[in-house]
Amino acid sequence: MNQPAPSIETVFENLSETNHKFIADLMSTLAVNQQWNSTEMFGTLIAGLAKNSDRWIAIQKQYQHHHMELWSAMVQGGPAAPPAALVEADVVDRRFKAPEWQQLPYFSYLKQAYLLKSRWMAELVEAADIDERSRHKLRFFTGQIMDAAAPSNFAATNPEALKLASTSDGTSLAHGLENLCADVKKHRITMTDEAAFEVARNIAITPGAVVFENELMQLIQYAPATDTVYQRPLLMVPPFINKFYVLDLQPDNSLARYAVAQGHTVFMVSWRNVSADMGHMTWDDYVSSGVIKAIDVARKICAVRQINTLGFCVGGTLLACALAVLRGQRHSDAASVTLLASMLDFSDTGDLSLFVDEAFVKQREQEFAHGGVMLGRQLALTFSFLRANDLVWYYVVNNYLKGRKPNAFDLLHWNSDSTNLPGTMFAYYIRNMYLENNLRIPGKLTMCGVSVDLSKINAPAYVLASREDHIVPWKTAFQSTQLLDGKTEFVLAASGHVAGVINPASSNKRHYSTNPDLPVDADAWLAGAHQHTGSWWDHWSRWLAKRGGKRVAARKQPGNAQYRSIEPAPGRYVKQACD
């Protein structure tokens, strides 16, 4: 006999309970991974406030005064008028765009009280007499708590979710529970319609072939799109976190396809999603068996002494290390180097610095002392919480409270396609780059038996940063201009870490800034910069064309006698899912 359908109340309770537990588990995982202790954190805050008690008392009195105003307005049956200090924040906060947040007294009070408490918490952190690193950590920690506590994140206090549940006879809640249960099984939040994209079907479809592979990477050579090509090929080194196809998404926003269309023979490194038995692989392995080997293969296939090189994010860091090693061996294999949203100087890594301290690094070194794998989903969780309202809570509301499917978005599909990393390599990376910032110091690090000195890289460099990048702050990326010896062009794009880079020229969106002068100070550079409408792609293409060498007939077949085609692009490695 069929079981009766559960009531709306039952579905509502199940959704609320499961949602709270799932999100609590995610935040707990984040806190445990980073060794954050809430008691210790708030103890630091209270101790700091005790040293500035007059300011603490003043903030408290002001908060209580404004809160009483809000409460009185609600009791009298009218929408709560926000304190003047909150008006601007209220206008730009998309969590509270629905008219009910403004028009209905109860929800208006919830919103204004929440915004007021968020401001109160932020003022307390700023008033505390503590060191700047502790303040930075508290800003982030309390910000995470307040973002999680927003009334929009809970079914019982979100007017849009309640209205939708009522008009759909509870169907939205049932769908939300289905979405939530599916994500619990995946141990992550779904951010895009994952059925809309598939590697080799509608993303990563630029024609080409894998011409080399080892246990760490495959090397793709893309087919030419022009009758003639520049003599020097272009090697692209993507980050080993996530898959290479951020540089080859759909045809209209593929940087790889764009470069091919401009007449470049493009090679792409496709990093392997490492398995448990590869956990012993080191940073040196990525430098030598990854980047240096890719440079060598590209040179030999195109029969040239030098090639053009490009690295994105940590791919740029890795590329610079490889070029420094080659220079230390007295090789000059690079005719140019392009660094996209990359760090060579890690003196300011933004909020990511809060995740890396001596205790955290030692824990990882002990954990991976004999190999092991750094799970991609743990890294993805950390990056998501750097922009929690955009990459966590928006989807909690949309997917679970409203029962909707997220829209199809290729960048977010890529963002969710994580890769596991060798634990040994990861521990080396976070200690020597993020914690100790050793790469910028000539001779401090030895890689592949060579003393590394970035100032020996004398190839012309194109350094791109993104103005709103939360992973690679633009002023930190600017510091690369002070470390390289070749003539350097610095360009500042609009938008964030990925959208600032993947900004196709054909769309003519956003803007970028240039300045032919290159002062030591980033702010001085910006003061003298000129802004241009559109994408930086065409600007970079003109720069790269000058370093491509003469035009020659396009090669009809990928590879050569030594490096033959193994399989069609995009190859096998990119299709390996994260365990």
Protein backbone atom coordinates (compact mmCIF):
# COMPACT_ATOMS: atom_id res chain seq x y z
CA MET A 1 0.00 0.00 0.00
CA ASN A 2 1.33 3.45 -0.93
CA GLN A 3 2.52 5.59 1.93
CA PRO A 4 0.75 8.96 2.33
CA ALA A 5 2.70 11.99 1.14
CA PRO A 6 4.42 13.83 3.99
CA SER A 7 2.88 17.09 5.12
CA ILE A 8 4.38 20.46 4.29
CA GLU A 9 5.29 20.83 7.95
CA THR A 10 7.20 17.53 7.92
CA VAL A 11 9.10 18.43 4.73
CA PHE A 12 9.85 21.86 6.16
CA GLU A 13 11.25 20.37 9.37
CA ASN A 14 13.32 17.79 7.48
CA LEU A 15 14.69 20.44 5.14
CA SER A 16 15.60 22.78 7.98
CA GLU A 17 17.24 20.07 10.07
CA THR A 18 19.22 18.53 7.21
CA ASN A 19 20.24 21.93 5.84
CA HIS A 20 21.52 23.14 9.21
CA LYS A 21 23.47 19.93 9.78
CA PHE A 22 25.02 19.91 6.31
CA ILE A 23 26.15 23.53 6.50
CA ALA A 24 27.37 23.07 10.08
CA ASP A 25 29.42 20.08 8.93
CA LEU A 26 30.95 22.10 6.09
CA MET A 27 31.88 24.98 8.39
CA SER A 28 33.16 22.56 11.01
CA THR A 29 35.36 20.87 8.39
CA LEU A 30 36.71 24.28 7.39
CA ALA A 31 37.43 25.20 11.01
CA VAL A 32 39.06 21.85 11.86
CA ASN A 33 41.23 21.92 8.73
CA GLN A 34 42.49 25.38 9.65
CA GLN A 35 42.70 24.65 13.41
CA TRP A 36 40.33 27.47 14.30
CA ASN A 37 39.08 27.41 17.89
CA SER A 38 36.04 29.64 18.45
CA THR A 39 36.67 29.90 22.19
CA GLU A 40 40.23 31.03 21.55
CA MET A 41 39.15 33.46 18.85
CA PHE A 42 36.52 35.18 20.96
CA GLY A 43 38.88 35.12 23.93
CA THR A 44 41.34 37.14 21.86
CA LEU A 45 38.59 39.60 20.98
CA ILE A 46 37.40 40.08 24.56
CA ALA A 47 40.94 40.49 25.86
CA GLY A 48 41.60 43.12 23.21
CA LEU A 49 38.39 44.98 24.01
CA ALA A 50 39.23 44.98 27.71
CA LYS A 51 42.27 47.12 26.85
CA ASN A 52 39.98 49.65 25.14
CA SER A 53 36.96 49.51 27.42
CA ASP A 54 35.74 53.08 26.79
CA ARG A 55 35.38 52.44 23.07
CA TRP A 56 33.79 49.05 23.79
CA ILE A 57 31.15 50.64 26.01
CA ALA A 58 30.44 53.39 23.45
CA ILE A 59 29.93 50.83 20.66
CA GLN A 60 27.65 48.79 22.91
CA LYS A 61 25.51 51.80 23.85
CA GLN A 62 25.14 52.85 20.23
CA TYR A 63 24.16 49.33 19.21
CA GLN A 64 21.52 49.07 21.94
CA HIS A 65 20.12 52.48 21.02
CA HIS A 66 19.72 51.62 17.33
CA HIS A 67 18.31 48.20 18.17
CA MET A 68 15.62 49.73 20.39
CA GLU A 69 14.67 52.06 17.53
CA LEU A 70 14.24 49.09 15.21
CA TRP A 71 12.21 47.16 17.78
CA SER A 72 9.92 50.11 18.46
CA ALA A 73 9.27 50.58 14.76
CA MET A 74 8.24 46.94 14.37
CA VAL A 75 6.01 46.99 17.46
CA GLN A 76 4.23 50.05 16.05
CA GLY A 77 3.55 48.13 12.85
CA GLY A 78 5.72 50.04 10.40
CA PRO A 79 8.82 49.04 8.42
CA ALA A 80 12.01 49.66 10.35
CA ALA A 81 13.99 52.64 9.10
CA PRO A 82 17.64 51.65 8.94
CA PRO A 83 20.26 53.69 10.82
CA ALA A 84 22.06 56.04 8.47
CA ALA A 85 25.24 53.97 8.66
CA LEU A 86 23.43 50.95 7.20
CA VAL A 87 21.65 52.59 4.28
CA GLU A 88 24.48 52.13 1.79
CA ALA A 89 25.12 48.52 2.82
CA ASP A 90 21.40 47.77 2.54
CA VAL A 91 21.22 49.11 -1.01
CA VAL A 92 23.99 46.87 -2.37
CA ASP A 93 23.08 43.69 -0.45
CA ARG A 94 21.42 41.33 -2.92
CA ARG A 95 20.35 38.96 -0.14
CA PHE A 96 17.56 41.38 0.74
CA LYS A 97 16.33 42.50 -2.69
CA ALA A 98 12.83 41.02 -2.32
CA PRO A 99 10.20 43.70 -1.51
CA GLU A 100 9.07 41.82 1.60
CA TRP A 101 12.33 42.72 3.32
CA GLN A 102 11.40 46.39 2.96
CA GLN A 103 7.61 46.38 3.15
CA LEU A 104 6.67 43.86 5.85
CA PRO A 105 7.51 45.03 9.40
CA TYR A 106 8.63 41.63 10.70
CA PHE A 107 11.04 40.91 7.85
CA SER A 108 12.19 44.51 7.75
CA TYR A 109 13.09 44.21 11.42
CA LEU A 110 14.92 40.92 10.87
CA LYS A 111 16.98 42.40 8.07
CA GLN A 112 17.84 45.66 9.84
CA ALA A 113 18.60 43.93 13.13
CA TYR A 114 20.91 41.53 11.33
CA LEU A 115 22.74 44.29 9.45
CA LEU A 116 23.04 46.26 12.67
CA LYS A 117 24.52 43.29 14.52
CA SER A 118 26.95 42.65 11.66
CA ARG A 119 28.14 46.24 11.86
CA TRP A 120 28.37 46.01 15.67
CA MET A 121 30.54 42.92 15.42
CA ALA A 122 32.80 44.56 12.83
CA GLU A 123 33.21 47.67 15.01
CA LEU A 124 34.16 45.54 18.02
CA VAL A 125 36.90 43.82 16.01
CA GLU A 126 38.28 47.18 14.87
CA ALA A 127 38.16 48.58 18.41
CA ALA A 128 40.05 45.70 20.02
CA ASP A 129 43.65 46.36 21.04
CA ILE A 130 45.26 43.42 19.25
CA ASP A 131 47.99 42.81 16.67
CA GLU A 132 47.07 43.25 13.02
CA ARG A 133 47.25 39.55 12.09
CA SER A 134 44.85 38.68 14.91
CA ARG A 135 42.55 41.48 13.76
CA HIS A 136 42.63 40.19 10.17
CA LYS A 137 41.84 36.70 11.39
CA LEU A 138 38.98 37.96 13.58
CA ARG A 139 37.55 40.02 10.71
CA PHE A 140 37.35 36.91 8.59
CA PHE A 141 36.18 34.58 11.37
CA THR A 142 33.41 36.89 12.64
CA GLY A 143 32.47 37.72 9.05
CA GLN A 144 31.94 34.02 8.37
CA ILE A 145 29.72 33.70 11.44
CA MET A 146 27.63 36.72 10.52
CA ASP A 147 27.30 35.63 6.89
CA ALA A 148 26.06 32.23 8.08
CA ALA A 149 23.60 33.83 10.51
CA ALA A 150 21.81 35.96 7.90
CA PRO A 151 18.01 35.52 8.16
CA SER A 152 17.90 34.94 4.41
CA ASN A 153 19.73 31.61 4.95
CA PHE A 154 16.90 29.97 6.91
CA ALA A 155 13.58 28.73 5.59
CA ALA A 156 11.61 30.10 8.56
CA THR A 157 12.94 33.65 8.11
CA ASN A 158 13.23 33.96 4.34
CA PRO A 159 10.04 35.53 2.93
CA GLU A 160 10.78 34.43 -0.61
CA ALA A 161 11.18 30.80 0.44
CA LEU A 162 8.02 30.91 2.54
CA LYS A 163 6.01 32.51 -0.25
CA LEU A 164 7.25 29.98 -2.79
CA ALA A 165 6.45 27.09 -0.45
CA SER A 166 2.92 28.42 -0.03
CA THR A 167 2.22 29.01 -3.73
CA SER A 168 3.70 25.63 -4.73
CA ASP A 169 1.89 23.65 -2.00
CA GLY A 170 5.23 22.65 -0.54
CA THR A 171 6.71 21.39 -3.82
CA SER A 172 9.60 23.85 -3.57
CA LEU A 173 10.50 22.48 -0.13
CA ALA A 174 10.38 18.91 -1.38
CA HIS A 175 12.64 19.77 -4.31
CA GLY A 176 14.93 21.63 -1.94
CA LEU A 177 15.23 18.57 0.25
CA GLU A 178 16.06 16.45 -2.81
CA ASN A 179 18.76 18.92 -3.86
CA LEU A 180 20.17 19.00 -0.36
CA CYS A 181 20.31 15.22 0.00
CA ALA A 182 22.10 14.96 -3.35
CA ASP A 183 24.72 17.48 -2.19
CA VAL A 184 25.18 15.70 1.13
CA LYS A 185 26.16 12.60 -0.84
CA LYS A 186 28.60 14.64 -2.94
CA HIS A 187 30.05 16.42 0.14
CA ARG A 188 29.77 19.76 -1.64
CA ILE A 189 27.32 22.40 -2.78
CA THR A 190 26.18 22.26 -6.40
CA MET A 191 26.81 25.64 -8.05
CA THR A 192 25.79 24.98 -11.63
CA ASP A 193 23.68 22.67 -13.76
CA GLU A 194 26.31 19.96 -13.97
CA ALA A 195 24.43 18.06 -16.68
CA ALA A 196 24.74 21.06 -18.98
CA PHE A 197 28.47 20.63 -19.54
CA GLU A 198 30.69 17.72 -20.41
CA VAL A 199 34.38 17.70 -21.21
CA ALA A 200 34.97 16.93 -24.91
CA ARG A 201 31.28 17.49 -25.71
CA ASN A 202 30.78 21.24 -25.24
CA ILE A 203 33.76 22.34 -23.13
CA ALA A 204 37.44 21.70 -23.84
CA ILE A 205 36.63 21.07 -27.51
CA THR A 206 39.36 23.00 -29.31
CA PRO A 207 40.71 20.49 -31.89
CA GLY A 208 44.09 18.96 -31.21
CA ALA A 209 45.94 15.90 -30.00
CA VAL A 210 47.90 14.67 -27.02
CA VAL A 211 51.51 14.43 -28.21
CA PHE A 212 53.22 13.47 -24.96
CA GLU A 213 52.31 12.03 -21.58
CA ASN A 214 53.96 10.87 -18.40
CA GLU A 215 52.51 9.96 -15.02
CA LEU A 216 52.08 13.63 -14.09
CA MET A 217 50.73 15.36 -17.18
CA GLN A 218 49.62 15.13 -20.78
CA LEU A 219 50.73 17.69 -23.34
CA ILE A 220 48.14 18.79 -25.91
CA GLN A 221 49.05 20.37 -29.24
CA TYR A 222 46.12 22.24 -30.75
CA ALA A 223 45.45 22.08 -34.47
CA PRO A 224 46.19 25.26 -36.45
CA ALA A 225 43.33 27.52 -37.56
CA THR A 226 45.41 29.62 -39.98
CA ASP A 227 47.44 28.79 -43.07
CA THR A 228 50.58 30.23 -41.51
CA VAL A 229 51.65 30.34 -37.88
CA TYR A 230 54.29 32.09 -35.84
CA GLN A 231 57.52 30.15 -35.79
CA ARG A 232 57.67 30.08 -31.99
CA PRO A 233 54.90 28.11 -30.30
CA LEU A 234 53.07 29.13 -27.12
CA LEU A 235 53.01 26.83 -24.09
CA MET A 236 50.17 27.32 -21.58
CA VAL A 237 50.65 26.12 -18.00
CA PRO A 238 47.35 26.07 -16.09
CA PRO A 239 47.03 25.69 -12.31
CA PHE A 240 47.21 22.14 -10.99
CA ILE A 241 44.24 22.98 -8.76
CA ASN A 242 41.18 22.22 -10.94
CA LYS A 243 41.48 21.23 -14.61
CA PHE A 244 43.26 22.91 -17.52
CA TYR A 245 40.08 23.74 -19.41
CA VAL A 246 39.61 27.04 -17.60
CA LEU A 247 41.77 28.16 -20.54
CA ASP A 248 39.65 26.22 -23.04
CA LEU A 249 36.01 26.47 -22.00
CA GLN A 250 33.47 27.00 -24.76
CA PRO A 251 34.60 28.20 -28.20
CA ASP A 252 33.58 31.81 -27.59
CA ASN A 253 35.54 32.19 -24.34
CA SER A 254 38.52 29.87 -24.87
CA LEU A 255 41.85 31.64 -24.50
CA ALA A 256 43.55 28.64 -26.14
CA ARG A 257 41.26 28.81 -29.19
CA TYR A 258 41.74 32.58 -29.38
CA ALA A 259 45.54 32.20 -29.41
CA VAL A 260 45.29 29.54 -32.12
CA ALA A 261 43.12 31.88 -34.20
CA GLN A 262 45.81 34.57 -33.89
CA GLY A 263 48.30 32.23 -35.56
CA HIS A 264 50.06 30.61 -32.61
CA THR A 265 50.85 26.93 -32.31
CA VAL A 266 49.49 26.33 -28.81
CA PHE A 267 50.56 23.58 -26.44
CA MET A 268 48.61 22.97 -23.21
CA VAL A 269 49.68 21.11 -20.08
CA SER A 270 46.90 18.89 -18.72
CA TRP A 271 47.75 17.94 -15.13
CA ARG A 272 46.76 14.55 -13.84
CA ASN A 273 44.27 14.19 -11.00
CA VAL A 274 46.66 12.32 -8.73
CA SER A 275 45.84 8.99 -7.13
CA ALA A 276 46.93 7.79 -3.71
CA ASP A 277 50.05 6.10 -5.06
CA MET A 278 51.25 9.45 -6.49
CA GLY A 279 51.13 11.25 -3.15
CA HIS A 280 54.94 11.20 -2.88
CA MET A 281 55.42 13.46 -5.92
CA THR A 282 57.21 16.71 -5.18
CA TRP A 283 57.29 20.32 -6.33
CA ASP A 284 60.49 19.44 -8.20
CA ASP A 285 58.58 16.73 -10.08
CA TYR A 286 56.05 19.31 -11.25
CA VAL A 287 58.88 21.62 -12.32
CA SER A 288 60.99 19.03 -14.14
CA SER A 289 58.56 16.32 -15.34
CA GLY A 290 55.82 18.89 -15.84
CA VAL A 291 56.84 22.33 -17.10
CA ILE A 292 60.44 21.76 -18.21
CA LYS A 293 59.50 18.59 -20.05
CA ALA A 294 56.61 20.38 -21.76
CA ILE A 295 58.95 23.19 -22.85
CA ASP A 296 61.40 20.66 -24.25
CA VAL A 297 58.73 18.74 -26.19
CA ALA A 298 57.22 21.93 -27.65
CA ARG A 299 60.67 23.16 -28.74
CA LYS A 300 61.52 19.89 -30.44
CA ILE A 301 58.18 19.50 -32.21
CA CYS A 302 58.43 23.02 -33.63
CA ALA A 303 62.21 22.81 -34.16
CA VAL A 304 62.96 26.10 -32.40
CA ARG A 305 65.40 27.18 -29.72
CA GLN A 306 62.91 29.33 -27.83
CA ILE A 307 59.17 29.28 -27.20
CA ASN A 308 56.65 31.69 -25.68
CA THR A 309 55.26 30.67 -22.30
CA LEU A 310 52.15 31.45 -20.26
CA GLY A 311 51.14 30.50 -16.73
CA PHE A 312 47.86 31.08 -14.90
CA CYS A 313 47.61 31.30 -11.09
CA VAL A 314 49.89 28.70 -9.48
CA GLY A 315 50.72 27.62 -13.02
CA GLY A 316 52.50 30.97 -13.32
CA THR A 317 54.41 30.35 -10.09
CA LEU A 318 55.43 26.93 -11.36
CA LEU A 319 56.40 28.31 -14.77
CA ALA A 320 58.63 30.97 -13.21
CA CYS A 321 60.35 28.30 -11.11
CA ALA A 322 60.97 26.18 -14.22
CA LEU A 323 62.38 29.13 -16.16
CA ALA A 324 64.63 30.04 -13.22
CA VAL A 325 65.92 26.45 -13.10
CA LEU A 326 66.62 26.53 -16.84
CA ARG A 327 68.44 29.84 -16.50
CA GLY A 328 70.48 28.33 -13.66
CA GLN A 329 71.44 25.58 -16.12
CA ARG A 330 72.39 28.30 -18.63
CA HIS A 331 69.42 27.64 -20.91
CA SER A 332 67.31 30.41 -22.43
CA ASP A 333 64.30 28.48 -23.63
CA ALA A 334 61.72 31.25 -23.20
CA ALA A 335 61.29 34.06 -25.71
CA SER A 336 58.62 35.55 -23.45
CA VAL A 337 56.68 34.79 -20.29
CA THR A 338 53.06 35.72 -19.57
CA LEU A 339 51.87 35.54 -15.97
CA LEU A 340 48.11 35.66 -15.45
CA ALA A 341 46.90 36.31 -11.88
CA SER A 342 50.05 34.69 -10.49
CA MET A 343 52.17 35.27 -7.40
CA LEU A 344 55.94 35.17 -7.18
CA ASP A 345 56.08 37.34 -4.08
CA PHE A 346 53.69 36.01 -1.41
CA SER A 347 54.04 38.89 1.04
CA ASP A 348 50.30 39.67 0.89
CA THR A 349 48.00 36.79 -0.03
CA GLY A 350 44.80 38.37 1.25
CA ASP A 351 42.42 36.20 3.24
CA LEU A 352 44.23 33.06 2.15
CA SER A 353 47.02 34.03 4.55
CA LEU A 354 44.61 33.33 7.41
CA PHE A 355 44.58 29.65 6.49
CA VAL A 356 48.34 29.21 6.65
CA ASP A 357 50.37 29.50 9.83
CA GLU A 358 53.19 27.45 11.35
CA ALA A 359 50.83 25.09 13.17
CA PHE A 360 48.78 24.41 10.05
CA VAL A 361 51.85 23.81 7.89
CA LYS A 362 53.43 21.49 10.46
CA GLN A 363 50.20 19.53 10.65
CA ARG A 364 50.19 19.06 6.88
CA GLU A 365 53.88 18.14 6.81
CA GLN A 366 53.28 15.46 9.44
CA GLU A 367 50.15 14.24 7.67
CA PHE A 368 51.97 13.93 4.34
CA ALA A 369 55.40 12.90 5.63
CA HIS A 370 55.09 9.55 3.85
CA GLY A 371 52.95 10.67 0.92
CA GLY A 372 49.20 10.88 0.77
CA VAL A 373 46.76 13.08 -1.11
CA MET A 374 45.42 16.56 -0.43
CA LEU A 375 41.77 16.21 -1.35
CA GLY A 376 40.52 18.61 -3.96
CA ARG A 377 37.17 19.06 -2.26
CA GLN A 378 38.91 20.43 0.86
CA LEU A 379 40.69 23.05 -1.21
CA ALA A 380 37.47 23.88 -3.06
CA LEU A 381 35.67 24.37 0.25
CA THR A 382 38.34 26.81 1.43
CA PHE A 383 38.15 28.85 -1.78
CA SER A 384 34.35 28.92 -1.65
CA PHE A 385 34.30 30.36 1.86
CA LEU A 386 36.58 33.18 0.76
CA ARG A 387 33.46 34.51 -0.98
CA ALA A 388 30.85 32.80 1.16
CA ASN A 389 27.83 34.93 0.22
CA ASP A 390 28.45 34.37 -3.49
CA LEU A 391 29.73 30.78 -3.48
CA VAL A 392 27.98 29.20 -0.48
CA TRP A 393 24.93 30.99 0.91
CA TYR A 394 23.47 32.04 -2.44
CA TYR A 395 23.25 28.37 -3.41
CA VAL A 396 21.94 27.31 0.00
CA VAL A 397 19.01 29.67 -0.53
CA ASN A 398 18.49 28.95 -4.23
CA ASN A 399 18.98 25.17 -4.17
CA TYR A 400 17.61 24.15 -0.78
CA LEU A 401 15.22 26.83 0.49
CA LYS A 402 13.68 27.60 -2.91
CA GLY A 403 14.13 24.13 -4.42
CA ARG A 404 15.58 25.43 -7.66
CA LYS A 405 18.36 24.09 -9.85
CA PRO A 406 21.33 26.40 -10.33
CA ASN A 407 21.84 27.94 -13.75
CA ALA A 408 24.30 26.50 -16.24
CA PHE A 409 27.61 28.38 -15.97
CA ASP A 410 30.79 27.00 -17.48
CA LEU A 411 33.17 28.77 -15.09
CA LEU A 412 31.37 27.36 -12.07
CA HIS A 413 31.33 23.91 -13.67
CA TRP A 414 35.11 24.15 -13.94
CA ASN A 415 35.31 25.51 -10.39
CA SER A 416 33.52 22.41 -9.11
CA ASP A 417 35.75 20.02 -11.06
CA SER A 418 38.42 19.70 -8.38
CA THR A 419 41.70 17.81 -8.50
CA ASN A 420 43.57 15.96 -5.78
CA LEU A 421 47.17 17.02 -5.17
CA PRO A 422 50.22 15.10 -3.93
CA GLY A 423 50.48 15.77 -0.22
CA THR A 424 54.26 16.11 -0.30
CA MET A 425 54.11 18.76 -3.01
CA PHE A 426 51.27 20.62 -1.29
CA ALA A 427 53.13 20.81 2.03
CA TYR A 428 56.26 22.16 0.28
CA TYR A 429 54.20 24.74 -1.59
CA ILE A 430 52.39 26.20 1.41
CA ARG A 431 55.54 26.37 3.53
CA ASN A 432 57.94 27.87 1.02
CA MET A 433 55.49 30.15 -0.77
CA TYR A 434 52.60 31.10 1.53
CA LEU A 435 54.25 30.81 4.94
CA GLU A 436 57.88 31.77 4.44
CA ASN A 437 57.74 33.58 1.07
CA ASN A 438 61.07 32.07 0.05
CA LEU A 439 60.73 32.18 -3.74
CA ARG A 440 61.36 35.91 -3.99
CA ILE A 441 64.75 35.58 -2.21
CA PRO A 442 67.57 34.77 -4.68
CA GLY A 443 69.23 31.47 -3.83
CA LYS A 444 66.93 30.67 -0.90
CA LEU A 445 65.37 27.66 -2.63
CA THR A 446 67.00 24.85 -4.59
CA MET A 447 64.89 23.07 -7.20
CA CYS A 448 66.02 20.21 -9.40
CA GLY A 449 69.52 20.69 -7.99
CA VAL A 450 69.66 24.34 -9.07
CA SER A 451 69.72 27.46 -6.91
CA VAL A 452 66.62 29.45 -7.90
CA ASP A 453 66.95 33.14 -8.71
CA LEU A 454 63.95 34.77 -10.41
CA SER A 455 66.04 37.79 -11.36
CA LYS A 456 67.91 35.58 -13.84
CA ILE A 457 64.73 35.30 -15.95
CA ASN A 458 65.51 37.89 -18.61
CA ALA A 459 62.73 37.14 -21.09
CA PRO A 460 60.18 39.91 -21.78
CA ALA A 461 57.25 39.50 -19.42
CA TYR A 462 53.54 40.33 -19.60
CA VAL A 463 52.12 40.40 -16.07
CA LEU A 464 48.33 40.55 -15.73
CA ALA A 465 46.42 41.06 -12.49
CA SER A 466 42.69 41.41 -11.80
CA ARG A 467 41.43 44.38 -9.78
CA GLU A 468 38.97 42.41 -7.60
CA ASP A 469 40.98 39.20 -7.29
CA HIS A 470 40.42 37.64 -3.86
CA ILE A 471 43.00 34.88 -4.39
CA VAL A 472 45.88 36.86 -5.92
CA PRO A 473 45.59 40.49 -4.77
CA TRP A 474 46.56 42.72 -7.65
CA LYS A 475 49.21 44.61 -5.73
CA THR A 476 50.84 41.29 -4.87
CA ALA A 477 50.82 40.26 -8.53
CA PHE A 478 52.40 43.65 -9.31
CA GLN A 479 55.42 42.69 -7.20
CA SER A 480 56.41 40.19 -9.90
CA THR A 481 57.52 43.18 -11.98
CA GLN A 482 60.23 43.86 -9.40
CA LEU A 483 61.57 40.31 -9.42
CA LEU A 484 62.04 39.56 -13.13
CA ASP A 485 64.96 40.93 -15.15
CA GLY A 486 63.35 41.20 -18.59
CA LYS A 487 61.38 44.19 -19.89
CA THR A 488 57.99 43.87 -18.24
CA GLU A 489 54.52 45.06 -19.17
CA PHE A 490 52.00 45.20 -16.30
CA VAL A 491 48.27 45.22 -17.10
CA LEU A 492 45.39 45.48 -14.64
CA ALA A 493 42.13 43.84 -15.70
CA ALA A 494 38.70 44.35 -14.21
CA SER A 495 36.73 41.74 -12.23
CA GLY A 496 38.01 38.77 -10.22
CA HIS A 497 40.50 35.93 -10.30
CA VAL A 498 38.93 33.93 -13.13
CA ALA A 499 36.47 36.33 -14.78
CA GLY A 500 39.20 38.94 -15.12
CA VAL A 501 41.33 36.48 -17.09
CA ILE A 502 38.59 34.74 -19.07
CA ASN A 503 37.24 37.87 -20.71
CA PRO A 504 37.01 37.18 -24.47
CA ALA A 505 37.85 39.99 -26.84
CA SER A 506 34.71 39.35 -28.90
CA SER A 507 32.41 40.31 -26.01
CA ASN A 508 34.05 43.74 -25.56
CA LYS A 509 33.16 43.66 -21.85
CA ARG A 510 34.83 45.27 -18.86
CA HIS A 511 38.07 47.21 -19.14
CA TYR A 512 41.80 47.05 -18.47
CA SER A 513 44.47 49.57 -17.53
CA THR A 514 48.02 50.08 -18.80
CA ASN A 515 50.93 52.33 -17.90
CA PRO A 516 54.19 52.28 -19.88
CA ASP A 517 56.05 53.42 -16.76
CA LEU A 518 56.83 50.83 -14.13
CA PRO A 519 57.47 52.44 -10.73
CA VAL A 520 58.28 50.35 -7.69
CA ASP A 521 55.00 51.20 -5.97
CA ALA A 522 51.73 49.68 -7.24
CA ASP A 523 49.65 52.71 -6.22
CA ALA A 524 52.00 54.99 -8.15
CA TRP A 525 51.57 52.75 -11.20
CA LEU A 526 47.79 52.95 -10.88
CA ALA A 527 47.83 56.74 -10.50
CA GLY A 528 49.49 57.04 -13.90
CA ALA A 529 47.54 54.28 -15.66
CA HIS A 530 45.17 54.74 -18.57
CA GLN A 531 41.94 52.74 -18.74
CA HIS A 532 40.84 51.03 -21.96
CA THR A 533 37.37 49.67 -22.72
CA GLY A 534 37.08 45.97 -23.49
CA SER A 535 39.24 42.91 -22.92
CA TRP A 536 42.98 42.73 -22.43
CA TRP A 537 43.18 39.80 -24.87
CA ASP A 538 43.80 41.90 -27.98
CA HIS A 539 46.39 44.01 -26.16
CA TRP A 540 48.24 40.85 -25.10
CA SER A 541 47.92 39.39 -28.61
CA ARG A 542 49.69 42.41 -30.11
CA TRP A 543 52.42 42.12 -27.48
CA LEU A 544 52.87 38.39 -28.10
CA ALA A 545 52.93 38.75 -31.89
CA LYS A 546 56.18 40.73 -31.62
CA ARG A 547 57.79 37.73 -29.94
CA GLY A 548 56.44 34.97 -32.15
CA GLY A 549 59.16 35.06 -34.79
CA LYS A 550 58.50 34.90 -38.51
CA ARG A 551 55.39 33.26 -40.00
CA VAL A 552 55.80 29.75 -41.39
CA ALA A 553 53.44 27.25 -43.00
CA ALA A 554 51.12 25.64 -40.46
CA ARG A 555 51.94 22.06 -39.57
CA LYS A 556 49.48 19.60 -41.05
CA GLN A 557 49.98 16.93 -38.38
CA PRO A 558 50.48 17.19 -34.62
CA GLY A 559 53.78 16.11 -33.11
CA ASN A 560 56.76 14.85 -35.04
CA ALA A 561 58.68 11.62 -35.56
CA GLN A 562 59.74 11.55 -31.91
CA TYR A 563 56.45 12.69 -30.38
CA ARG A 564 53.52 11.17 -32.18
CA SER A 565 49.82 11.70 -31.57
CA ILE A 566 48.61 9.56 -28.66
CA GLU A 567 44.90 10.44 -28.62
CA PRO A 568 42.61 13.33 -29.57
CA ALA A 569 42.39 16.40 -27.34
CA PRO A 570 41.46 16.92 -24.58
CA GLY A 571 42.91 13.55 -23.58
CA ARG A 572 42.21 11.14 -20.74
CA TYR A 573 43.71 12.94 -17.77
CA VAL A 574 41.25 15.83 -17.78
CA LYS A 575 38.34 13.40 -17.57
CA GLN A 576 39.52 11.78 -14.35
CA ALA A 577 37.14 12.77 -11.57
CA CYS A 578 38.21 13.71 -8.07
CA ASP A 579 37.77 10.81 -5.62
